[in-house]
Amino acid sequence: MPETSLRPVAVVPLIEGETVRLRPLREDDVPALVENCRDEQARRFVPVPLDYTEDDALTFLRRTVPDGWREGSGHVFAVADPADDVLLGTVGLHAFRATTADVGVNIGPAARGRGVGTAACRLLIDYAVEGLGLRTLYWQAFVGNVASLALARRLGFTLHAELPGFAALRGEPVDVWLLGLSARTGGPEPREKL
């Protein structure tokens, strides 16, 4: 028996919204996942292999995502169109700490500019706060990713800092904008002017 078949399976909730659905990733999502991760914006700002393949997608789908749910280290959802259930992107929570986690999102090029990222992240935030009891969410965007910064701000995240060399992308240090959103007040956390 393969090692993964001995591990308990985590139940990924289905979260229905008016314009998007958050659901478990499936094997029929692989072609769209590959296309989304090969997109120039994803290759520039998401830590995925430059030559993202079907094998990369299957490893993500069969190992990385289920292990994250099982171990409590990541809750990744497929973002799908509720009309036809086609994959539009992914959204998730990562880097869980006592009452916080980081938000991550990768919306495919065909779905950008239609409010898909905003709708998916709102559902994810509700799940994080109401379902998991998290009190603060963080958003990291590589400096230069103005679309990610704009999305975070639309969602109510407040810019806290620009951190030089805080992250790595394919082995190279990358500067990061760090934003936060507090559930305690129902809005962004206060911050000092940068």
C-alpha atoms as a PDB file:
ATOM      1  CA  MET A   1       0.000   0.000   0.000  1.00  0.00           C
ATOM      2  CA  PRO A   2       1.286   3.520  -0.748  1.00  0.00           C
ATOM      3  CA  GLU A   3       2.225   5.535   2.305  1.00  0.00           C
ATOM      4  CA  THR A   4      -0.561   8.094   1.719  1.00  0.00           C
ATOM      5  CA  SER A   5      -3.263   5.429   1.928  1.00  0.00           C
ATOM      6  CA  LEU A   6      -2.319   4.747   5.555  1.00  0.00           C
ATOM      7  CA  ARG A   7      -2.946   8.339   6.631  1.00  0.00           C
ATOM      8  CA  PRO A   8      -6.384   9.578   7.664  1.00  0.00           C
ATOM      9  CA  VAL A   9      -8.099  11.702   5.049  1.00  0.00           C
ATOM     10  CA  ALA A  10      -9.016  15.255   6.029  1.00  0.00           C
ATOM     11  CA  VAL A  11     -12.494  16.447   5.131  1.00  0.00           C
ATOM     12  CA  VAL A  12     -12.262  19.682   3.160  1.00  0.00           C
ATOM     13  CA  PRO A  13     -15.388  21.801   3.582  1.00  0.00           C
ATOM     14  CA  LEU A  14     -17.409  23.011   0.618  1.00  0.00           C
ATOM     15  CA  ILE A  15     -18.044  26.751   0.891  1.00  0.00           C
ATOM     16  CA  GLU A  16     -20.625  28.208  -1.470  1.00  0.00           C
ATOM     17  CA  GLY A  17     -20.655  31.859  -2.445  1.00  0.00           C
ATOM     18  CA  GLU A  18     -22.762  33.758  -4.935  1.00  0.00           C
ATOM     19  CA  THR A  19     -20.022  34.048  -7.551  1.00  0.00           C
ATOM     20  CA  VAL A  20     -17.433  31.446  -6.487  1.00  0.00           C
ATOM     21  CA  ARG A  21     -17.269  28.113  -4.707  1.00  0.00           C
ATOM     22  CA  LEU A  22     -14.423  26.926  -2.479  1.00  0.00           C
ATOM     23  CA  ARG A  23     -14.056  23.153  -2.713  1.00  0.00           C
ATOM     24  CA  PRO A  24     -11.441  20.394  -2.542  1.00  0.00           C
ATOM     25  CA  LEU A  25      -8.995  20.145  -5.432  1.00  0.00           C
ATOM     26  CA  ARG A  26      -9.643  17.219  -7.788  1.00  0.00           C
ATOM     27  CA  GLU A  27      -7.632  15.376 -10.410  1.00  0.00           C
ATOM     28  CA  ASP A  28      -9.710  16.912 -13.210  1.00  0.00           C
ATOM     29  CA  ASP A  29      -8.366  20.317 -12.029  1.00  0.00           C
ATOM     30  CA  VAL A  30      -4.819  19.394 -13.122  1.00  0.00           C
ATOM     31  CA  PRO A  31      -4.909  20.971 -16.625  1.00  0.00           C
ATOM     32  CA  ALA A  32      -6.243  24.296 -15.280  1.00  0.00           C
ATOM     33  CA  LEU A  33      -3.806  24.185 -12.348  1.00  0.00           C
ATOM     34  CA  VAL A  34      -0.887  23.724 -14.756  1.00  0.00           C
ATOM     35  CA  GLU A  35      -2.140  26.568 -16.955  1.00  0.00           C
ATOM     36  CA  ASN A  36      -2.576  28.894 -13.955  1.00  0.00           C
ATOM     37  CA  CYS A  37       0.890  28.117 -12.578  1.00  0.00           C
ATOM     38  CA  ARG A  38       2.560  28.586 -15.973  1.00  0.00           C
ATOM     39  CA  ASP A  39       1.055  32.054 -16.325  1.00  0.00           C
ATOM     40  CA  GLU A  40       3.654  34.837 -16.364  1.00  0.00           C
ATOM     41  CA  GLN A  41       2.201  36.570 -13.266  1.00  0.00           C
ATOM     42  CA  ALA A  42       2.247  33.326 -11.281  1.00  0.00           C
ATOM     43  CA  ARG A  43       5.795  32.544 -12.363  1.00  0.00           C
ATOM     44  CA  ARG A  44       6.852  36.042 -11.298  1.00  0.00           C
ATOM     45  CA  PHE A  45       5.119  36.197  -7.922  1.00  0.00           C
ATOM     46  CA  VAL A  46       4.221  32.644  -6.795  1.00  0.00           C
ATOM     47  CA  PRO A  47       6.887  30.170  -5.638  1.00  0.00           C
ATOM     48  CA  VAL A  48       6.086  27.519  -8.253  1.00  0.00           C
ATOM     49  CA  PRO A  49       8.563  25.859 -10.615  1.00  0.00           C
ATOM     50  CA  LEU A  50       9.118  27.898 -13.789  1.00  0.00           C
ATOM     51  CA  ASP A  51       8.378  24.838 -15.908  1.00  0.00           C
ATOM     52  CA  TYR A  52       5.341  23.736 -13.862  1.00  0.00           C
ATOM     53  CA  THR A  53       4.225  20.332 -15.124  1.00  0.00           C
ATOM     54  CA  GLU A  54       1.354  17.927 -14.695  1.00  0.00           C
ATOM     55  CA  ASP A  55       3.575  15.964 -12.268  1.00  0.00           C
ATOM     56  CA  ASP A  56       4.020  19.141 -10.165  1.00  0.00           C
ATOM     57  CA  ALA A  57       0.248  19.614 -10.121  1.00  0.00           C
ATOM     58  CA  LEU A  58      -0.359  15.976  -9.146  1.00  0.00           C
ATOM     59  CA  THR A  59       2.195  16.190  -6.321  1.00  0.00           C
ATOM     60  CA  PHE A  60       0.503  19.361  -5.081  1.00  0.00           C
ATOM     61  CA  LEU A  61      -2.925  17.747  -5.352  1.00  0.00           C
ATOM     62  CA  ARG A  62      -2.065  14.313  -3.936  1.00  0.00           C
ATOM     63  CA  ARG A  63       0.575  15.164  -1.313  1.00  0.00           C
ATOM     64  CA  THR A  64       1.090  18.834  -0.481  1.00  0.00           C
ATOM     65  CA  VAL A  65      -2.556  19.845  -0.088  1.00  0.00           C
ATOM     66  CA  PRO A  66      -3.791  16.699   1.721  1.00  0.00           C
ATOM     67  CA  ASP A  67      -0.751  16.741   4.037  1.00  0.00           C
ATOM     68  CA  GLY A  68      -1.469  20.384   4.884  1.00  0.00           C
ATOM     69  CA  TRP A  69      -5.075  19.603   5.814  1.00  0.00           C
ATOM     70  CA  ARG A  70      -4.116  16.491   7.759  1.00  0.00           C
ATOM     71  CA  GLU A  71      -1.284  18.153   9.675  1.00  0.00           C
ATOM     72  CA  GLY A  72      -3.067  21.482  10.123  1.00  0.00           C
ATOM     73  CA  SER A  73      -0.288  23.394   8.357  1.00  0.00           C
ATOM     74  CA  GLY A  74      -2.308  24.544   5.353  1.00  0.00           C
ATOM     75  CA  HIS A  75      -5.915  24.729   4.234  1.00  0.00           C
ATOM     76  CA  VAL A  76      -5.924  25.043   0.430  1.00  0.00           C
ATOM     77  CA  PHE A  77      -9.144  25.235  -1.563  1.00  0.00           C
ATOM     78  CA  ALA A  78      -9.917  25.140  -5.246  1.00  0.00           C
ATOM     79  CA  VAL A  79     -11.711  28.305  -6.342  1.00  0.00           C
ATOM     80  CA  ALA A  80     -14.384  27.216  -8.806  1.00  0.00           C
ATOM     81  CA  ASP A  81     -17.162  28.754 -10.829  1.00  0.00           C
ATOM     82  CA  PRO A  82     -20.436  27.659  -9.163  1.00  0.00           C
ATOM     83  CA  ALA A  83     -22.168  27.358 -12.551  1.00  0.00           C
ATOM     84  CA  ASP A  84     -19.861  24.712 -14.051  1.00  0.00           C
ATOM     85  CA  ASP A  85     -17.448  23.906 -11.169  1.00  0.00           C
ATOM     86  CA  VAL A  86     -14.414  24.712 -13.381  1.00  0.00           C
ATOM     87  CA  LEU A  87     -11.200  25.605 -11.525  1.00  0.00           C
ATOM     88  CA  LEU A  88     -10.453  29.337 -11.557  1.00  0.00           C
ATOM     89  CA  GLY A  89      -7.580  29.314  -9.064  1.00  0.00           C
ATOM     90  CA  THR A  90      -6.588  28.393  -5.548  1.00  0.00           C
ATOM     91  CA  VAL A  91      -6.832  30.128  -2.195  1.00  0.00           C
ATOM     92  CA  GLY A  92      -5.661  29.023   1.214  1.00  0.00           C
ATOM     93  CA  LEU A  93      -4.406  29.601   4.720  1.00  0.00           C
ATOM     94  CA  HIS A  94      -0.785  28.854   5.587  1.00  0.00           C
ATOM     95  CA  ALA A  95       1.751  29.401   8.370  1.00  0.00           C
ATOM     96  CA  PHE A  96      -0.736  28.826  11.179  1.00  0.00           C
ATOM     97  CA  ARG A  97       0.295  30.310  14.525  1.00  0.00           C
ATOM     98  CA  ALA A  98      -1.663  30.544  17.787  1.00  0.00           C
ATOM     99  CA  THR A  99      -4.570  32.637  16.462  1.00  0.00           C
ATOM    100  CA  THR A 100      -3.186  33.760  13.099  1.00  0.00           C
ATOM    101  CA  ALA A 101      -2.454  32.483   9.614  1.00  0.00           C
ATOM    102  CA  ASP A 102      -1.271  33.815   6.255  1.00  0.00           C
ATOM    103  CA  VAL A 103      -3.598  34.102   3.266  1.00  0.00           C
ATOM    104  CA  GLY A 104      -2.406  32.918  -0.152  1.00  0.00           C
ATOM    105  CA  VAL A 105      -4.168  33.205  -3.486  1.00  0.00           C
ATOM    106  CA  ASN A 106      -3.439  32.359  -7.126  1.00  0.00           C
ATOM    107  CA  ILE A 107      -6.221  33.183  -9.564  1.00  0.00           C
ATOM    108  CA  GLY A 108      -5.733  32.079 -13.155  1.00  0.00           C
ATOM    109  CA  PRO A 109      -5.425  34.641 -15.950  1.00  0.00           C
ATOM    110  CA  ALA A 110      -8.842  33.852 -17.466  1.00  0.00           C
ATOM    111  CA  ALA A 111     -10.587  34.732 -14.174  1.00  0.00           C
ATOM    112  CA  ARG A 112      -8.697  37.918 -13.300  1.00  0.00           C
ATOM    113  CA  GLY A 113     -10.454  41.252 -13.342  1.00  0.00           C
ATOM    114  CA  ARG A 114     -13.874  39.714 -12.626  1.00  0.00           C
ATOM    115  CA  GLY A 115     -13.866  39.908  -8.813  1.00  0.00           C
ATOM    116  CA  VAL A 116     -13.054  36.206  -8.426  1.00  0.00           C
ATOM    117  CA  GLY A 117     -10.067  36.811  -6.136  1.00  0.00           C
ATOM    118  CA  THR A 118     -12.033  39.216  -3.960  1.00  0.00           C
ATOM    119  CA  ALA A 119     -15.012  36.859  -3.629  1.00  0.00           C
ATOM    120  CA  ALA A 120     -12.822  33.820  -2.928  1.00  0.00           C
ATOM    121  CA  CYS A 121     -10.765  35.637  -0.312  1.00  0.00           C
ATOM    122  CA  ARG A 122     -13.886  36.965   1.434  1.00  0.00           C
ATOM    123  CA  LEU A 123     -15.175  33.387   1.761  1.00  0.00           C
ATOM    124  CA  LEU A 124     -11.763  32.268   3.022  1.00  0.00           C
ATOM    125  CA  ILE A 125     -11.615  35.090   5.575  1.00  0.00           C
ATOM    126  CA  ASP A 126     -15.091  34.188   6.873  1.00  0.00           C
ATOM    127  CA  TYR A 127     -13.998  30.549   7.151  1.00  0.00           C
ATOM    128  CA  ALA A 128     -10.807  31.548   8.992  1.00  0.00           C
ATOM    129  CA  VAL A 129     -12.572  33.806  11.482  1.00  0.00           C
ATOM    130  CA  GLU A 130     -15.925  32.064  11.987  1.00  0.00           C
ATOM    131  CA  GLY A 131     -14.901  28.481  11.292  1.00  0.00           C
ATOM    132  CA  LEU A 132     -11.405  28.367  12.784  1.00  0.00           C
ATOM    133  CA  GLY A 133     -11.573  31.213  15.300  1.00  0.00           C
ATOM    134  CA  LEU A 134      -8.508  32.997  13.925  1.00  0.00           C
ATOM    135  CA  ARG A 135      -8.143  36.579  15.119  1.00  0.00           C
ATOM    136  CA  THR A 136      -5.546  38.037  12.771  1.00  0.00           C
ATOM    137  CA  LEU A 137      -4.747  37.218   9.166  1.00  0.00           C
ATOM    138  CA  TYR A 138      -1.587  38.217   7.343  1.00  0.00           C
ATOM    139  CA  TRP A 139      -0.937  38.791   3.664  1.00  0.00           C
ATOM    140  CA  GLN A 140       2.492  38.722   2.088  1.00  0.00           C
ATOM    141  CA  ALA A 141       2.981  40.165  -1.381  1.00  0.00           C
ATOM    142  CA  PHE A 142       6.319  40.336  -3.128  1.00  0.00           C
ATOM    143  CA  VAL A 143       7.282  43.976  -3.614  1.00  0.00           C
ATOM    144  CA  GLY A 144       6.183  44.860  -7.129  1.00  0.00           C
ATOM    145  CA  ASN A 145       3.068  42.674  -7.072  1.00  0.00           C
ATOM    146  CA  VAL A 146       0.718  45.647  -7.121  1.00  0.00           C
ATOM    147  CA  ALA A 147      -2.298  43.480  -8.053  1.00  0.00           C
ATOM    148  CA  SER A 148      -1.860  41.430  -4.870  1.00  0.00           C
ATOM    149  CA  LEU A 149      -1.363  44.577  -2.802  1.00  0.00           C
ATOM    150  CA  ALA A 150      -4.521  46.116  -4.287  1.00  0.00           C
ATOM    151  CA  LEU A 151      -6.536  42.953  -3.625  1.00  0.00           C
ATOM    152  CA  ALA A 152      -5.384  42.821  -0.005  1.00  0.00           C
ATOM    153  CA  ARG A 153      -6.322  46.456   0.512  1.00  0.00           C
ATOM    154  CA  ARG A 154      -9.784  45.895  -1.066  1.00  0.00           C
ATOM    155  CA  LEU A 155     -10.300  43.174   1.521  1.00  0.00           C
ATOM    156  CA  GLY A 156      -9.426  45.533   4.377  1.00  0.00           C
ATOM    157  CA  PHE A 157      -5.820  44.480   4.989  1.00  0.00           C
ATOM    158  CA  THR A 158      -3.508  47.260   6.166  1.00  0.00           C
ATOM    159  CA  LEU A 159       0.116  47.575   5.105  1.00  0.00           C
ATOM    160  CA  HIS A 160       2.382  47.132   8.135  1.00  0.00           C
ATOM    161  CA  ALA A 161       5.859  46.927   6.655  1.00  0.00           C
ATOM    162  CA  GLU A 162       8.117  46.392   3.700  1.00  0.00           C
ATOM    163  CA  LEU A 163      10.580  43.662   4.690  1.00  0.00           C
ATOM    164  CA  PRO A 164      13.817  43.440   2.666  1.00  0.00           C
ATOM    165  CA  GLY A 165      14.822  39.883   1.756  1.00  0.00           C
ATOM    166  CA  PHE A 166      12.042  38.420   3.935  1.00  0.00           C
ATOM    167  CA  ALA A 167      11.101  35.636   1.518  1.00  0.00           C
ATOM    168  CA  ALA A 168      12.793  33.588  -1.173  1.00  0.00           C
ATOM    169  CA  LEU A 169      11.755  32.843  -4.729  1.00  0.00           C
ATOM    170  CA  ARG A 170      13.668  30.031  -6.411  1.00  0.00           C
ATOM    171  CA  GLY A 171      16.590  30.492  -4.035  1.00  0.00           C
ATOM    172  CA  GLU A 172      16.810  34.281  -4.354  1.00  0.00           C
ATOM    173  CA  PRO A 173      15.860  36.729  -1.559  1.00  0.00           C
ATOM    174  CA  VAL A 174      12.719  38.752  -2.249  1.00  0.00           C
ATOM    175  CA  ASP A 175      11.403  41.885  -0.557  1.00  0.00           C
ATOM    176  CA  VAL A 176       7.887  41.521   0.864  1.00  0.00           C
ATOM    177  CA  TRP A 177       5.006  43.807   1.734  1.00  0.00           C
ATOM    178  CA  LEU A 178       3.372  42.534   4.951  1.00  0.00           C
ATOM    179  CA  LEU A 179      -0.264  43.376   5.555  1.00  0.00           C
ATOM    180  CA  GLY A 180      -2.644  42.434   8.373  1.00  0.00           C
ATOM    181  CA  LEU A 181      -6.353  42.162   9.054  1.00  0.00           C
ATOM    182  CA  SER A 182      -7.776  41.859  12.557  1.00  0.00           C
ATOM    183  CA  ALA A 183     -11.047  40.028  13.183  1.00  0.00           C
ATOM    184  CA  ARG A 184     -11.294  41.489  16.694  1.00  0.00           C
ATOM    185  CA  THR A 185     -12.393  44.857  15.397  1.00  0.00           C
ATOM    186  CA  GLY A 186     -13.954  43.620  12.183  1.00  0.00           C
ATOM    187  CA  GLY A 187     -11.465  45.601  10.145  1.00  0.00           C
ATOM    188  CA  PRO A 188      -7.825  46.336   9.571  1.00  0.00           C
ATOM    189  CA  GLU A 189      -5.395  46.547  12.427  1.00  0.00           C
ATOM    190  CA  PRO A 190      -4.128  50.013  13.304  1.00  0.00           C
ATOM    191  CA  ARG A 191      -0.609  50.750  12.134  1.00  0.00           C
ATOM    192  CA  GLU A 192       1.952  53.474  12.153  1.00  0.00           C
ATOM    193  CA  LYS A 193       2.617  55.416   8.960  1.00  0.00           C
ATOM    194  CA  LEU A 194       5.409  53.928   6.858  1.00  0.00           C
END
